[in-house]
Structures are given as C-alpha cells and as structure tokens.
C-alpha cells in the first residue's frame, strides 16, 4: 500500500485499534513511512524495520523468522497493546521522502500536536526513536513538563542501515531502567 494515498484517518484508525487502556511505555517515532509499512497495519510489506526490531527487542518476533511481505502482525500488536506499549509519530503523515530542511520544518511544526497527544496518552515512560527528531521532541516534552518520563538522554537510532542491534539494545536498556518486562 502506498502511503501517499493514505490519509491521517487511515493511520489514526489503525493506531487506535491497538491503543492500550493504560500506556506504560510510549515510543515516539518520526512519521509513518511512505512505503506503506506502517507499524500498526495488520500485515508486513517486507520493510517494516521499526516493527520487526521492536518486536525482536521485546521477544515477540518469532526467533529466526525473516522479514517477508504478508506476515500477519496482529497477534504481536495485540501482545504489544496488552502489556501497555504504544507508538505515536511526531508527524502525522510520511516525511521520509522530503528534503532534510522540509523534514525538519514538518517535525517542528507538529511538535505542539505531538505534545497534546502525549499529554492525552499520559504514558508512564517515553522513549524517543530517531536522531533527527530527538532534540525538537525532547525540548517540546521538557517545556510541557514531561521530561522526567523520557528514558533516553541521547538519540535512539532508527533500526535500519546497520542500527538494528543498537536499537534493540537501547530499547531493552530503557525497559530495564523503567523496570518493565513482558
């Protein structure tokens, strides 16, 4: 599915389906990907890096299972939800195909909405994923009085391009710091 044909309502509908009653651990990412491989869509497209590596870190992804197109993610998403995990995006529509300056503007223009969404979600703990959003999101959360909930003091890299192990390790460390387990 091409994300450019998807609307904010499509992403929000998929996300809300897996929203926990009480959010214990909130991941904040950059945006849905333009590839269509959105974290909360029910099947993989084969490039679902954030989903796969998050599930591997939480030991929900089947051991030695390769990432292929068409894998049913729903049971893993329900488990993710059942333990109080949730993911919000800084930008409500894909920004990964924008030029870097446009991408930064999009992130900055949407941090106020993100903060409102985080306040409404009222998570116990927060982890900011991706170097490019870390500083603006950190500043916005700090200014809103939410900084004490953020577990990372430095960027957690997006889990692609060789950063998969680092991502999984940093996510596991954050869970340990929060005294959370599955």
Protein backbone atom coordinates (compact mmCIF):
# COMPACT_ATOMS: atom_id res chain seq x y z
CA UNK A 1 0.00 0.00 0.00
CA UNK A 2 1.40 3.37 -0.98
CA UNK A 3 1.34 5.71 1.99
CA UNK A 4 0.89 8.80 -0.21
CA UNK A 5 -2.67 7.58 -0.86
CA UNK A 6 -3.33 7.06 2.83
CA UNK A 7 -4.92 9.70 5.00
CA UNK A 8 -4.35 10.77 8.58
CA UNK A 9 -7.63 8.97 9.35
CA UNK A 10 -6.22 5.69 7.95
CA UNK A 11 -3.15 5.90 10.21
CA UNK A 12 -5.16 7.00 13.26
CA UNK A 13 -7.77 4.26 12.79
CA UNK A 14 -5.06 1.57 12.64
CA UNK A 15 -3.22 3.04 15.64
CA UNK A 16 -6.35 3.41 17.83
CA UNK A 17 -7.24 -0.24 17.29
CA UNK A 18 -4.19 -1.18 19.37
CA UNK A 19 -4.20 1.58 21.97
CA UNK A 20 -3.79 0.20 25.49
CA UNK A 21 -6.16 1.28 28.24
CA UNK A 22 -3.13 2.34 30.32
CA UNK A 23 0.03 3.29 28.41
CA UNK A 24 3.06 2.14 30.36
CA UNK A 25 5.65 2.67 27.63
CA UNK A 26 5.33 5.12 24.73
CA UNK A 27 7.63 5.04 21.73
CA UNK A 28 7.79 8.28 19.75
CA UNK A 29 8.92 7.88 16.15
CA UNK A 30 9.23 10.35 13.27
CA UNK A 31 6.30 9.53 10.98
CA UNK A 32 4.53 6.72 9.18
CA UNK A 33 6.77 5.58 6.30
CA UNK A 34 5.98 6.46 2.71
CA UNK A 35 6.48 2.76 1.85
CA UNK A 36 3.12 1.90 3.40
CA UNK A 37 4.69 -0.35 6.03
CA UNK A 38 3.02 1.39 8.96
CA UNK A 39 3.71 -0.07 12.41
CA UNK A 40 0.01 -0.62 13.15
CA UNK A 41 -1.11 -2.09 9.82
CA UNK A 42 -2.05 -5.77 10.13
CA UNK A 43 0.44 -7.25 7.67
CA UNK A 44 4.05 -6.61 6.77
CA UNK A 45 5.24 -5.21 3.47
CA UNK A 46 8.73 -6.66 3.94
CA UNK A 47 10.41 -3.41 5.02
CA UNK A 48 8.79 -2.99 8.43
CA UNK A 49 12.06 -2.21 10.23
CA UNK A 50 10.66 -0.42 13.27
CA UNK A 51 8.00 -3.06 13.85
CA UNK A 52 10.33 -6.03 13.37
CA UNK A 53 13.15 -4.70 15.53
CA UNK A 54 10.78 -3.54 18.28
CA UNK A 55 9.15 -6.96 18.37
CA UNK A 56 12.57 -8.65 18.36
CA UNK A 57 13.70 -6.50 21.31
CA UNK A 58 10.53 -7.47 23.19
CA UNK A 59 10.97 -11.11 22.14
CA UNK A 60 7.61 -11.09 20.37
CA UNK A 61 9.02 -11.65 16.86
CA UNK A 62 9.46 -15.38 16.18
CA UNK A 63 13.12 -16.33 16.59
CA UNK A 64 14.90 -16.70 13.22
CA UNK A 65 11.79 -15.58 11.31
CA UNK A 66 12.87 -13.48 8.31
CA UNK A 67 11.01 -10.31 7.36
CA UNK A 68 8.79 -11.17 4.44
CA UNK A 69 5.84 -9.48 2.83
CA UNK A 70 2.45 -10.53 4.12
CA UNK A 71 3.30 -11.67 7.66
CA UNK A 72 0.29 -11.23 9.95
CA UNK A 73 1.30 -8.76 12.67
CA UNK A 74 -2.00 -8.66 14.55
CA UNK A 75 -1.15 -11.16 17.33
CA UNK A 76 2.12 -9.32 18.03
CA UNK A 77 0.30 -5.97 18.01
CA UNK A 78 -2.29 -7.29 20.47
CA UNK A 79 0.50 -8.52 22.77
CA UNK A 80 2.27 -5.14 22.44
CA UNK A 81 -1.02 -3.48 23.42
CA UNK A 82 -1.77 -5.91 26.25
CA UNK A 83 1.46 -5.02 28.08
CA UNK A 84 0.78 -1.29 27.79
CA UNK A 85 3.05 -0.36 24.89
CA UNK A 86 2.07 2.23 22.30
CA UNK A 87 3.68 4.19 19.47
CA UNK A 88 2.98 7.76 18.38
CA UNK A 89 4.52 9.57 15.43
CA UNK A 90 5.80 13.12 15.61
CA UNK A 91 4.46 13.82 12.11
CA UNK A 92 1.03 12.52 11.18
CA UNK A 93 1.89 11.91 7.51
CA UNK A 94 5.08 10.47 5.96
CA UNK A 95 8.08 12.82 5.82
CA UNK A 96 10.81 10.35 4.81
CA UNK A 97 10.80 11.47 1.17
CA UNK A 98 11.11 15.18 1.99
CA UNK A 99 14.35 17.13 1.71
CA UNK A 100 16.11 17.43 5.09
CA UNK A 101 15.13 21.09 5.57
CA UNK A 102 11.45 20.33 4.78
CA UNK A 103 11.56 17.34 7.09
CA UNK A 104 12.90 19.47 9.97
CA UNK A 105 10.17 22.07 9.35
CA UNK A 106 7.50 19.34 9.37
CA UNK A 107 8.81 17.97 12.68
CA UNK A 108 8.98 21.42 14.27
CA UNK A 109 5.50 22.33 13.04
CA UNK A 110 3.98 19.21 14.59
CA UNK A 111 5.65 19.03 18.00
CA UNK A 112 2.83 21.02 19.65
CA UNK A 113 0.25 18.50 18.40
CA UNK A 114 2.53 15.64 19.48
CA UNK A 115 2.79 17.10 22.99
CA UNK A 116 -1.03 17.31 23.18
CA UNK A 117 -1.22 13.66 22.08
CA UNK A 118 1.38 12.62 24.67
CA UNK A 119 -0.44 14.51 27.44
CA UNK A 120 -3.71 12.83 26.41
CA UNK A 121 -2.00 9.40 26.31
CA UNK A 122 -0.48 10.02 29.76
CA UNK A 123 2.29 7.41 29.44
CA UNK A 124 4.36 6.33 32.42
CA UNK A 125 7.56 6.15 30.32
CA UNK A 126 8.62 7.57 26.95
CA UNK A 127 11.39 6.61 24.50
CA UNK A 128 12.20 8.93 21.57
CA UNK A 129 13.30 6.98 18.49
CA UNK A 130 15.37 8.58 15.74
CA UNK A 131 18.23 11.02 15.91
CA UNK A 132 16.58 13.62 13.67
CA UNK A 133 13.61 14.12 15.99
CA UNK A 134 15.33 13.70 19.36
CA UNK A 135 16.22 17.34 20.07
CA UNK A 136 12.97 19.04 18.96
CA UNK A 137 10.81 16.40 20.66
CA UNK A 138 12.96 16.48 23.82
CA UNK A 139 12.64 20.27 24.03
CA UNK A 140 8.87 20.17 23.45
CA UNK A 141 8.38 17.46 26.09
CA UNK A 142 10.66 19.29 28.54
CA UNK A 143 8.74 22.54 28.05
CA UNK A 144 5.49 20.67 28.68
CA UNK A 145 6.82 19.26 31.96
CA UNK A 146 7.09 15.72 30.61
CA UNK A 147 10.88 15.34 30.55
CA UNK A 148 11.01 13.19 33.70
CA UNK A 149 9.10 10.46 31.82
CA UNK A 150 11.62 10.29 28.96
CA UNK A 151 14.02 7.39 29.42
CA UNK A 152 16.67 8.28 26.86
CA UNK A 153 19.13 11.13 27.30
CA UNK A 154 20.54 10.63 23.81
CA UNK A 155 19.03 9.61 20.50
CA UNK A 156 17.96 6.03 19.84
CA UNK A 157 18.78 5.34 16.18
CA UNK A 158 16.11 4.15 13.78
CA UNK A 159 16.54 0.37 13.37
CA UNK A 160 17.77 0.18 9.78
CA UNK A 161 21.03 0.62 7.90
CA UNK A 162 23.07 -1.36 10.41
CA UNK A 163 21.48 0.17 13.54
CA UNK A 164 19.24 -2.80 14.33
CA UNK A 165 21.34 -4.23 17.19
CA UNK A 166 21.94 -0.79 18.70
CA UNK A 167 18.19 -0.06 18.59
CA UNK A 168 17.28 -3.37 20.23
CA UNK A 169 19.94 -2.90 22.91
CA UNK A 170 18.86 0.67 23.72
CA UNK A 171 15.18 -0.35 23.83
CA UNK A 172 15.97 -3.24 26.20
CA UNK A 173 18.07 -0.92 28.41
CA UNK A 174 15.19 1.57 28.55
CA UNK A 175 12.80 -1.20 29.57
CA UNK A 176 15.20 -2.30 32.27
CA UNK A 177 15.55 1.30 33.51
CA UNK A 178 11.75 1.51 33.66
CA UNK A 179 11.60 -1.86 35.44
CA UNK A 180 9.31 -3.19 32.71
CA UNK A 181 9.20 -6.69 31.35
CA UNK A 182 6.77 -8.66 29.25
